[in-house]
């Protein structure tokens, strides 16, 4: 089985991802997710790092190997059935573990305060600005963004709007606001916009100021 997605080239965006206790690793991610899970791809050199780290990890860690120019993900435990066989795409990248390995975008920015505020706002309920208004919260790392959440934008007069804005601001986090038919479309619009603005930035470069919370961007695809 090969879970290589068929996305267009402009749907891949720079990122950094981790897998349980492994990583982080440089990667590109698609501008949409599968059941809330990010979909990354890696260069061959990064795949070799992942394989080495998985081999040295504690028992129970994901089993991944590189053989005959392809990546294989194996079942855990003594039996090592091949769950996935992934060949490189035409550009030489490997996209594997989509839908069943718990890849997570990596950030060193503290997001706990914002996550608490978002949980409280969603648990209490709030009137949205509209059914097509979305907020995309993220950590700004200069050349890449780490997406934290996509949620319906509260009406500007709702207490949740101020609470979430203040939590983002206090945590040094960022957000875009846009209109889109679906959450996935809003996420794709955010990644495209960020990548377009920051395409010239090299990894590790310091960017200041970072994107401010509640920055408006053009509407996403419909």
Protein backbone atom coordinates (compact mmCIF):
# COMPACT_ATOMS: atom_id res chain seq x y z
CA UNK A 1 0.00 0.00 0.00
CA UNK A 2 1.25 3.49 -0.86
CA UNK A 3 -0.57 6.45 0.67
CA UNK A 4 1.22 9.03 -1.48
CA UNK A 5 -1.34 11.84 -1.93
CA UNK A 6 -2.03 13.30 -5.34
CA UNK A 7 -1.93 16.98 -4.40
CA UNK A 8 -0.64 19.68 -6.70
CA UNK A 9 2.84 21.04 -6.05
CA UNK A 10 1.51 24.32 -4.68
CA UNK A 11 -0.38 22.43 -1.95
CA UNK A 12 2.87 21.50 -0.11
CA UNK A 13 4.21 23.92 2.49
CA UNK A 14 7.38 24.00 4.64
CA UNK A 15 6.99 22.65 8.15
CA UNK A 16 8.66 20.76 10.98
CA UNK A 17 7.03 17.63 12.37
CA UNK A 18 7.45 15.10 15.16
CA UNK A 19 6.19 11.56 15.69
CA UNK A 20 5.56 10.68 19.31
CA UNK A 21 9.04 11.08 20.91
CA UNK A 22 10.86 11.19 17.55
CA UNK A 23 11.95 14.41 15.88
CA UNK A 24 11.40 17.16 15.04
CA UNK A 25 12.16 16.73 11.35
CA UNK A 26 12.06 19.20 8.45
CA UNK A 27 9.15 18.37 6.19
CA UNK A 28 6.53 19.72 3.87
CA UNK A 29 2.84 19.33 4.71
CA UNK A 30 -0.26 19.39 2.57
CA UNK A 31 -2.58 22.33 3.01
CA UNK A 32 -5.35 20.10 4.28
CA UNK A 33 -5.57 17.29 6.84
CA UNK A 34 -7.02 13.78 7.05
CA UNK A 35 -9.42 13.40 10.00
CA UNK A 36 -7.50 16.18 11.74
CA UNK A 37 -4.09 14.60 11.07
CA UNK A 38 -1.40 16.46 9.15
CA UNK A 39 0.03 14.88 6.00
CA UNK A 40 3.82 15.36 5.70
CA UNK A 41 6.47 14.35 3.19
CA UNK A 42 10.24 14.14 3.60
CA UNK A 43 13.50 14.11 1.65
CA UNK A 44 15.46 10.86 1.50
CA UNK A 45 18.06 12.23 3.95
CA UNK A 46 15.35 13.03 6.48
CA UNK A 47 13.79 9.60 6.02
CA UNK A 48 17.13 8.02 6.95
CA UNK A 49 17.19 10.13 10.14
CA UNK A 50 13.68 9.00 11.00
CA UNK A 51 14.58 5.36 10.39
CA UNK A 52 17.69 5.62 12.59
CA UNK A 53 15.75 7.35 15.37
CA UNK A 54 12.94 4.78 15.23
CA UNK A 55 15.45 1.92 15.40
CA UNK A 56 17.12 3.42 18.49
CA UNK A 57 13.86 4.32 20.23
CA UNK A 58 12.31 2.48 23.13
CA UNK A 59 10.29 -0.69 22.43
CA UNK A 60 6.84 0.14 21.15
CA UNK A 61 8.01 3.04 18.99
CA UNK A 62 6.87 3.07 15.36
CA UNK A 63 8.82 0.63 13.17
CA UNK A 64 10.04 2.26 9.98
CA UNK A 65 12.64 1.02 7.51
CA UNK A 66 14.20 2.16 4.24
CA UNK A 67 14.66 -0.62 1.74
CA UNK A 68 15.20 -0.76 -2.03
CA UNK A 69 14.67 2.99 -2.31
CA UNK A 70 11.28 2.92 -0.56
CA UNK A 71 9.96 3.51 2.95
CA UNK A 72 8.10 0.76 4.76
CA UNK A 73 6.04 1.17 7.91
CA UNK A 74 5.79 -2.05 9.92
CA UNK A 75 3.32 -3.21 12.53
CA UNK A 76 4.42 -2.93 16.16
CA UNK A 77 5.31 -5.90 18.34
CA UNK A 78 7.10 -9.09 17.33
CA UNK A 79 5.21 -9.65 14.10
CA UNK A 80 6.47 -7.18 11.52
CA UNK A 81 3.79 -7.05 8.86
CA UNK A 82 4.24 -4.30 6.27
CA UNK A 83 1.48 -1.74 6.80
CA UNK A 84 2.65 0.61 4.09
CA UNK A 85 5.15 0.63 1.22
CA UNK A 86 5.91 4.13 -0.02
CA UNK A 87 7.97 4.94 -3.12
CA UNK A 88 9.24 8.50 -3.73
CA UNK A 89 7.17 10.97 -5.71
CA UNK A 90 8.55 12.43 -8.97
CA UNK A 91 10.42 15.11 -7.00
CA UNK A 92 12.08 12.50 -4.75
CA UNK A 93 10.01 13.11 -1.61
CA UNK A 94 8.47 10.41 0.58
CA UNK A 95 4.96 10.84 2.04
CA UNK A 96 4.15 8.04 4.46
CA UNK A 97 2.09 7.22 7.51
CA UNK A 98 -0.81 9.34 6.32
CA UNK A 99 -3.92 8.61 8.31
CA UNK A 100 -2.33 6.24 10.83
CA UNK A 101 0.95 7.70 12.13
CA UNK A 102 0.36 10.55 14.57
CA UNK A 103 2.54 13.21 12.94
CA UNK A 104 2.34 16.57 14.71
CA UNK A 105 3.62 19.97 13.59
CA UNK A 106 6.38 21.11 15.93
CA UNK A 107 6.63 24.39 17.80
CA UNK A 108 8.61 25.57 20.80
CA UNK A 109 6.09 28.36 21.46
CA UNK A 110 3.89 27.84 24.52
CA UNK A 111 0.34 27.33 23.29
CA UNK A 112 -1.23 26.02 26.51
CA UNK A 113 -2.98 29.28 27.40
CA UNK A 114 -4.56 29.60 23.98
CA UNK A 115 -5.68 25.96 23.90
CA UNK A 116 -7.35 26.40 27.29
CA UNK A 117 -9.11 29.55 26.08
CA UNK A 118 -10.28 27.81 22.90
CA UNK A 119 -11.57 24.79 24.83
CA UNK A 120 -13.50 27.11 27.18
CA UNK A 121 -14.95 29.15 24.31
CA UNK A 122 -16.08 26.10 22.38
CA UNK A 123 -17.49 24.39 25.49
CA UNK A 124 -19.51 27.51 26.35
CA UNK A 125 -20.61 28.16 22.78
CA UNK A 126 -20.55 31.51 21.01
CA UNK A 127 -22.27 33.21 18.10
CA UNK A 128 -20.07 33.04 14.96
CA UNK A 129 -19.45 36.03 12.76
CA UNK A 130 -20.96 33.93 9.96
CA UNK A 131 -20.99 30.29 8.84
CA UNK A 132 -18.18 31.03 6.37
CA UNK A 133 -15.95 33.05 8.74
CA UNK A 134 -12.91 31.14 10.02
CA UNK A 135 -9.93 31.86 12.26
CA UNK A 136 -6.67 30.00 11.66
CA UNK A 137 -4.45 30.14 14.76
CA UNK A 138 -0.74 29.40 14.38
CA UNK A 139 2.77 29.92 15.68
CA UNK A 140 4.86 32.10 13.36
CA UNK A 141 8.34 30.63 12.83
CA UNK A 142 9.46 32.93 10.05
CA UNK A 143 9.81 30.59 7.07
CA UNK A 144 7.04 28.27 8.29
CA UNK A 145 3.86 28.29 10.30
CA UNK A 146 2.77 25.70 12.88
CA UNK A 147 -0.98 25.43 12.69
CA UNK A 148 -2.70 25.22 16.07
CA UNK A 149 -6.42 25.30 15.29
CA UNK A 150 -9.03 26.26 12.72
CA UNK A 151 -12.32 27.41 14.22
CA UNK A 152 -15.34 29.54 13.40
CA UNK A 153 -14.59 33.19 14.10
CA UNK A 154 -16.67 34.48 17.01
CA UNK A 155 -18.82 37.55 16.40
CA UNK A 156 -16.76 40.61 17.32
CA UNK A 157 -19.23 41.48 20.09
CA UNK A 158 -19.01 38.01 21.67
CA UNK A 159 -16.90 37.57 24.80
CA UNK A 160 -15.14 34.65 23.10
CA UNK A 161 -13.67 36.97 20.46
CA UNK A 162 -11.81 39.08 23.02
CA UNK A 163 -10.85 36.03 25.11
CA UNK A 164 -9.27 34.22 22.17
CA UNK A 165 -7.57 37.34 20.82
CA UNK A 166 -6.09 38.07 24.25
CA UNK A 167 -4.89 34.47 24.67
CA UNK A 168 -3.17 34.56 21.28
CA UNK A 169 -1.58 37.93 21.99
CA UNK A 170 -0.39 36.90 25.47
CA UNK A 171 1.17 33.72 24.07
CA UNK A 172 3.00 35.45 21.22
CA UNK A 173 0.84 33.54 18.75
CA UNK A 174 -0.74 34.58 15.48
CA UNK A 175 -4.00 34.15 13.60
CA UNK A 176 -5.55 34.85 10.24
CA UNK A 177 -9.23 35.53 9.67
CA UNK A 178 -10.76 34.62 6.32
CA UNK A 179 -13.95 33.53 4.59
CA UNK A 180 -14.22 30.01 3.20
CA UNK A 181 -16.82 27.35 2.62
CA UNK A 182 -15.04 24.78 4.82
CA UNK A 183 -12.36 24.62 7.51
CA UNK A 184 -10.01 22.81 5.09
CA UNK A 185 -10.40 25.63 2.56
CA UNK A 186 -9.60 28.19 5.26
CA UNK A 187 -6.47 26.27 6.26
CA UNK A 188 -5.30 26.02 2.65
CA UNK A 189 -5.87 29.76 2.16
CA UNK A 190 -3.86 30.52 5.30
CA UNK A 191 -0.92 28.32 4.29
CA UNK A 192 -0.89 29.74 0.77
CA UNK A 193 -0.99 33.31 2.03
CA UNK A 194 1.74 32.76 4.63
CA UNK A 195 3.96 30.94 2.14
CA UNK A 196 3.48 33.67 -0.45
CA UNK A 197 4.52 36.39 2.01
CA UNK A 198 7.43 34.43 3.50
CA UNK A 199 8.77 32.56 0.44
CA UNK A 200 12.00 34.60 0.62
CA UNK A 201 12.71 33.74 4.29
CA UNK A 202 15.34 31.08 4.99
CA UNK A 203 14.97 28.52 7.81
CA UNK A 204 16.15 29.92 11.12
CA UNK A 205 15.90 33.57 10.06
CA UNK A 206 14.33 35.83 12.68
CA UNK A 207 11.25 37.70 11.51
CA UNK A 208 9.87 40.69 13.40
CA UNK A 209 7.16 41.59 13.81
CA UNK A 210 5.39 38.27 13.58
CA UNK A 211 1.88 38.03 12.18
CA UNK A 212 -0.53 39.72 14.60
CA UNK A 213 -3.66 37.95 15.85
CA UNK A 214 -6.82 38.56 13.77
CA UNK A 215 -4.95 39.52 10.58
CA UNK A 216 -7.42 39.49 7.68
CA UNK A 217 -6.45 37.65 4.49
CA UNK A 218 -8.26 37.09 1.16
CA UNK A 219 -11.08 34.55 1.06
CA UNK A 220 -10.27 30.89 0.66
CA UNK A 221 -11.36 28.67 -2.24
CA UNK A 222 -15.06 27.78 -2.53
